[in-house]
Amino acid sequence: MNFSIEKDILLKAVSIADSAVSSKNINTSLGYCLFNIHDNLLTISGTDNDIAIRHKCDVISDGSFSF
């Protein structure tokens, strides 16, 4: 999958969504970030199953992945 976005915008969006994922979580499968691209809008969702943060920004492409 390919998509285009400015580096600074992506880093800021990932930082915002990733702040929901606790680095102290014992079970790492409970914390993740999901990247979903649809209609030229990137939505990054971060959660640790207690709180969730979703951030959106414009891109060129469609697709999804998580880490």
C-alpha atoms as a PDB file:
ATOM      1  CA  MET A   1       0.000   0.000   0.000  1.00  0.00           C
ATOM      2  CA  ASN A   2       1.255   3.460  -0.859  1.00  0.00           C
ATOM      3  CA  PHE A   3       0.019   6.784   0.431  1.00  0.00           C
ATOM      4  CA  SER A   4       1.390  10.321   0.434  1.00  0.00           C
ATOM      5  CA  ILE A   5       1.500  12.619   3.458  1.00  0.00           C
ATOM      6  CA  GLU A   6       3.937  15.211   4.748  1.00  0.00           C
ATOM      7  CA  LYS A   7       6.363  13.794   7.291  1.00  0.00           C
ATOM      8  CA  ASP A   8       5.638  16.436   9.959  1.00  0.00           C
ATOM      9  CA  ILE A   9       1.885  15.888   9.704  1.00  0.00           C
ATOM     10  CA  LEU A  10       2.281  12.102  10.023  1.00  0.00           C
ATOM     11  CA  LEU A  11       4.646  12.368  12.995  1.00  0.00           C
ATOM     12  CA  LYS A  12       2.287  14.712  14.821  1.00  0.00           C
ATOM     13  CA  ALA A  13      -0.733  12.476  14.123  1.00  0.00           C
ATOM     14  CA  VAL A  14       1.090   9.323  15.263  1.00  0.00           C
ATOM     15  CA  SER A  15       2.324  11.087  18.400  1.00  0.00           C
ATOM     16  CA  ILE A  16      -1.220  12.155  19.298  1.00  0.00           C
ATOM     17  CA  ALA A  17      -2.752   8.703  18.738  1.00  0.00           C
ATOM     18  CA  ASP A  18       0.176   6.873  20.348  1.00  0.00           C
ATOM     19  CA  SER A  19      -0.240   8.855  23.566  1.00  0.00           C
ATOM     20  CA  ALA A  20      -3.231   6.602  24.351  1.00  0.00           C
ATOM     21  CA  VAL A  21      -1.077   3.471  24.163  1.00  0.00           C
ATOM     22  CA  SER A  22       0.544   2.904  27.532  1.00  0.00           C
ATOM     23  CA  SER A  23       4.199   1.900  27.407  1.00  0.00           C
ATOM     24  CA  LYS A  24       3.766   0.366  30.877  1.00  0.00           C
ATOM     25  CA  ASN A  25       1.081  -2.070  29.698  1.00  0.00           C
ATOM     26  CA  ILE A  26       2.050  -5.630  30.676  1.00  0.00           C
ATOM     27  CA  ASN A  27      -0.036  -7.195  27.908  1.00  0.00           C
ATOM     28  CA  THR A  28       1.210  -5.481  24.750  1.00  0.00           C
ATOM     29  CA  SER A  29      -1.590  -6.984  22.652  1.00  0.00           C
ATOM     30  CA  LEU A  30      -4.005  -4.622  24.451  1.00  0.00           C
ATOM     31  CA  GLY A  31      -2.290  -1.493  23.119  1.00  0.00           C
ATOM     32  CA  TYR A  32      -2.091  -0.652  19.444  1.00  0.00           C
ATOM     33  CA  CYS A  33      -2.436   2.014  16.759  1.00  0.00           C
ATOM     34  CA  LEU A  34      -4.670   1.412  13.755  1.00  0.00           C
ATOM     35  CA  PHE A  35      -4.069   3.320  10.529  1.00  0.00           C
ATOM     36  CA  ASN A  36      -7.136   3.453   8.285  1.00  0.00           C
ATOM     37  CA  ILE A  37      -7.147   5.341   4.983  1.00  0.00           C
ATOM     38  CA  HIS A  38     -10.460   5.900   3.229  1.00  0.00           C
ATOM     39  CA  ASP A  39     -11.615   8.643   0.842  1.00  0.00           C
ATOM     40  CA  ASN A  40      -8.214  10.387   1.115  1.00  0.00           C
ATOM     41  CA  LEU A  41      -8.528  10.680   4.917  1.00  0.00           C
ATOM     42  CA  LEU A  42      -6.026   8.963   7.242  1.00  0.00           C
ATOM     43  CA  THR A  43      -7.519   8.057  10.624  1.00  0.00           C
ATOM     44  CA  ILE A  44      -5.038   6.961  13.297  1.00  0.00           C
ATOM     45  CA  SER A  45      -6.638   5.352  16.351  1.00  0.00           C
ATOM     46  CA  GLY A  46      -4.649   4.529  19.474  1.00  0.00           C
ATOM     47  CA  THR A  47      -5.990   2.640  22.482  1.00  0.00           C
ATOM     48  CA  ASP A  48      -4.937   0.714  25.564  1.00  0.00           C
ATOM     49  CA  ASN A  49      -8.517  -0.607  26.086  1.00  0.00           C
ATOM     50  CA  ASP A  50      -9.167   2.005  28.800  1.00  0.00           C
ATOM     51  CA  ILE A  51      -8.855   5.146  26.697  1.00  0.00           C
ATOM     52  CA  ALA A  52      -8.801   5.747  22.952  1.00  0.00           C
ATOM     53  CA  ILE A  53      -7.645   8.645  20.803  1.00  0.00           C
ATOM     54  CA  ARG A  54      -8.505   9.143  17.142  1.00  0.00           C
ATOM     55  CA  HIS A  55      -6.755  11.675  14.890  1.00  0.00           C
ATOM     56  CA  LYS A  56      -7.530  12.425  11.229  1.00  0.00           C
ATOM     57  CA  CYS A  57      -5.511  14.024   8.400  1.00  0.00           C
ATOM     58  CA  ASP A  58      -5.634  14.199   4.597  1.00  0.00           C
ATOM     59  CA  VAL A  59      -3.675  11.749   2.389  1.00  0.00           C
ATOM     60  CA  ILE A  60      -3.726  10.387  -1.154  1.00  0.00           C
ATOM     61  CA  SER A  61      -4.732   6.675  -1.262  1.00  0.00           C
ATOM     62  CA  ASP A  62      -6.863   4.017   0.512  1.00  0.00           C
ATOM     63  CA  GLY A  63      -5.973   1.077   2.822  1.00  0.00           C
ATOM     64  CA  SER A  64      -5.362   0.135   6.454  1.00  0.00           C
ATOM     65  CA  PHE A  65      -2.739  -1.422   8.733  1.00  0.00           C
ATOM     66  CA  SER A  66      -1.937  -1.545  12.451  1.00  0.00           C
ATOM     67  CA  PHE A  67       1.112  -1.727  14.660  1.00  0.00           C
END
